[in-house]
Amino acid sequence: MQGAGYAPDYEVAEGLRTTGYFLETHLARSLGNRPLPEARGRFIDAFSRRV
């Protein structure tokens, strides 16, 4: 996240999927089950096409 260190794109994509799971299953409940921002989904889709 800070740009320090190296991680291959597939690891970054997996990290985004993992954090998305926890955001949707744990954080969303406490926020009234609001969906994650569409921009996050678009970013993940665009990034995943690189992998």
N, C-alpha and C. Protein backbone atom coordinates (compact mmCIF):
# COMPACT_ATOMS: atom_id res chain seq x y z
N MET A 1 0.82 -1.20 0.00
CA MET A 1 0.00 0.00 0.00
C MET A 1 0.87 1.27 0.00
N GLN A 2 1.98 1.19 0.65
CA GLN A 2 2.84 2.36 0.73
C GLN A 2 3.86 2.39 -0.40
N GLY A 3 3.86 1.40 -1.24
CA GLY A 3 4.81 1.36 -2.33
C GLY A 3 6.17 0.84 -1.92
N ALA A 4 6.27 0.34 -0.70
CA ALA A 4 7.52 -0.21 -0.22
C ALA A 4 7.53 -1.72 -0.43
N GLY A 5 8.59 -2.23 -1.00
CA GLY A 5 8.67 -3.66 -1.22
C GLY A 5 8.09 -4.07 -2.55
N TYR A 6 8.21 -5.35 -2.83
CA TYR A 6 7.76 -5.87 -4.11
C TYR A 6 6.74 -6.96 -3.87
N ALA A 7 5.70 -6.94 -4.65
CA ALA A 7 4.71 -8.02 -4.65
C ALA A 7 4.24 -8.20 -6.08
N PRO A 8 4.24 -9.44 -6.56
CA PRO A 8 3.74 -9.67 -7.91
C PRO A 8 2.25 -9.33 -8.00
N ASP A 9 1.82 -8.98 -9.20
CA ASP A 9 0.42 -8.58 -9.39
C ASP A 9 -0.57 -9.61 -8.88
N TYR A 10 -0.29 -10.90 -9.07
CA TYR A 10 -1.25 -11.91 -8.62
C TYR A 10 -1.41 -11.89 -7.10
N GLU A 11 -0.35 -11.54 -6.36
CA GLU A 11 -0.48 -11.45 -4.90
C GLU A 11 -1.28 -10.22 -4.49
N VAL A 12 -1.10 -9.14 -5.20
CA VAL A 12 -1.88 -7.93 -4.92
C VAL A 12 -3.36 -8.21 -5.20
N ALA A 13 -3.65 -8.86 -6.32
CA ALA A 13 -5.04 -9.20 -6.67
C ALA A 13 -5.66 -10.09 -5.60
N GLU A 14 -4.90 -11.07 -5.12
CA GLU A 14 -5.41 -11.96 -4.07
C GLU A 14 -5.65 -11.17 -2.78
N GLY A 15 -4.77 -10.25 -2.46
CA GLY A 15 -4.97 -9.41 -1.28
C GLY A 15 -6.22 -8.55 -1.38
N LEU A 16 -6.48 -8.03 -2.56
CA LEU A 16 -7.70 -7.24 -2.76
C LEU A 16 -8.95 -8.09 -2.60
N ARG A 17 -8.90 -9.32 -3.13
CA ARG A 17 -10.05 -10.23 -2.96
C ARG A 17 -10.25 -10.58 -1.49
N THR A 18 -9.16 -10.83 -0.79
CA THR A 18 -9.24 -11.20 0.63
C THR A 18 -9.81 -10.06 1.46
N THR A 19 -9.30 -8.85 1.26
CA THR A 19 -9.82 -7.73 2.03
C THR A 19 -11.27 -7.45 1.66
N GLY A 20 -11.64 -7.65 0.39
CA GLY A 20 -13.03 -7.46 -0.01
C GLY A 20 -13.96 -8.40 0.73
N TYR A 21 -13.53 -9.63 0.90
CA TYR A 21 -14.35 -10.59 1.65
C TYR A 21 -14.61 -10.08 3.07
N PHE A 22 -13.57 -9.66 3.75
CA PHE A 22 -13.76 -9.19 5.12
C PHE A 22 -14.53 -7.88 5.19
N LEU A 23 -14.32 -7.01 4.23
CA LEU A 23 -15.10 -5.77 4.20
C LEU A 23 -16.58 -6.07 4.02
N GLU A 24 -16.90 -6.99 3.11
CA GLU A 24 -18.30 -7.31 2.84
C GLU A 24 -18.95 -8.10 3.97
N THR A 25 -18.23 -9.02 4.58
CA THR A 25 -18.87 -9.88 5.58
C THR A 25 -18.82 -9.31 6.99
N HIS A 26 -17.89 -8.43 7.27
CA HIS A 26 -17.78 -7.92 8.64
C HIS A 26 -18.07 -6.41 8.73
N LEU A 27 -17.43 -5.62 7.92
CA LEU A 27 -17.62 -4.17 8.02
C LEU A 27 -18.98 -3.73 7.50
N ALA A 28 -19.42 -4.33 6.40
CA ALA A 28 -20.70 -3.91 5.81
C ALA A 28 -21.84 -4.05 6.80
N ARG A 29 -21.83 -5.10 7.60
CA ARG A 29 -22.90 -5.29 8.60
C ARG A 29 -22.98 -4.13 9.55
N SER A 30 -21.81 -3.67 10.02
CA SER A 30 -21.83 -2.57 10.99
C SER A 30 -22.17 -1.23 10.34
N LEU A 31 -22.13 -1.18 9.02
CA LEU A 31 -22.49 0.04 8.30
C LEU A 31 -23.88 -0.04 7.69
N GLY A 32 -24.68 -0.96 8.17
CA GLY A 32 -26.04 -1.08 7.67
C GLY A 32 -26.12 -1.86 6.37
N ASN A 33 -25.18 -2.78 6.15
CA ASN A 33 -25.15 -3.62 4.95
C ASN A 33 -25.09 -2.83 3.65
N ARG A 34 -24.41 -1.70 3.70
CA ARG A 34 -24.21 -0.92 2.47
C ARG A 34 -23.19 -1.64 1.60
N PRO A 35 -23.36 -1.59 0.29
CA PRO A 35 -22.40 -2.26 -0.59
C PRO A 35 -21.07 -1.50 -0.62
N LEU A 36 -20.03 -2.21 -1.00
CA LEU A 36 -18.73 -1.56 -1.17
C LEU A 36 -18.82 -0.59 -2.34
N PRO A 37 -17.99 0.44 -2.34
CA PRO A 37 -18.04 1.41 -3.44
C PRO A 37 -17.80 0.75 -4.81
N GLU A 38 -18.56 1.18 -5.80
CA GLU A 38 -18.42 0.64 -7.15
C GLU A 38 -17.02 0.88 -7.69
N ALA A 39 -16.41 1.99 -7.28
CA ALA A 39 -15.06 2.31 -7.76
C ALA A 39 -14.07 1.22 -7.36
N ARG A 40 -14.25 0.64 -6.19
CA ARG A 40 -13.36 -0.44 -5.75
C ARG A 40 -13.49 -1.64 -6.68
N GLY A 41 -14.70 -1.98 -7.01
CA GLY A 41 -14.93 -3.10 -7.91
C GLY A 41 -14.35 -2.86 -9.30
N ARG A 42 -14.51 -1.62 -9.79
CA ARG A 42 -13.96 -1.29 -11.11
C ARG A 42 -12.44 -1.35 -11.08
N PHE A 43 -11.84 -0.87 -10.01
CA PHE A 43 -10.38 -0.93 -9.89
C PHE A 43 -9.90 -2.38 -9.88
N ILE A 44 -10.54 -3.23 -9.09
CA ILE A 44 -10.14 -4.63 -9.01
C ILE A 44 -10.30 -5.31 -10.36
N ASP A 45 -11.39 -5.01 -11.07
CA ASP A 45 -11.59 -5.60 -12.40
C ASP A 45 -10.47 -5.17 -13.35
N ALA A 46 -10.16 -3.89 -13.36
CA ALA A 46 -9.10 -3.39 -14.25
C ALA A 46 -7.75 -3.96 -13.86
N PHE A 47 -7.47 -4.01 -12.57
CA PHE A 47 -6.19 -4.55 -12.11
C PHE A 47 -6.08 -6.03 -12.42
N SER A 48 -7.15 -6.76 -12.23
CA SER A 48 -7.14 -8.22 -12.44
C SER A 48 -6.92 -8.57 -13.91
N ARG A 49 -7.30 -7.69 -14.81
CA ARG A 49 -7.07 -7.95 -16.24
C ARG A 49 -5.58 -7.96 -16.56
N ARG A 50 -4.78 -7.29 -15.72
CA ARG A 50 -3.32 -7.27 -15.92
C ARG A 50 -2.69 -8.58 -15.51
N VAL A 51 -3.34 -9.30 -14.61
CA VAL A 51 -2.73 -10.51 -14.04
C VAL A 51 -2.81 -11.67 -15.00
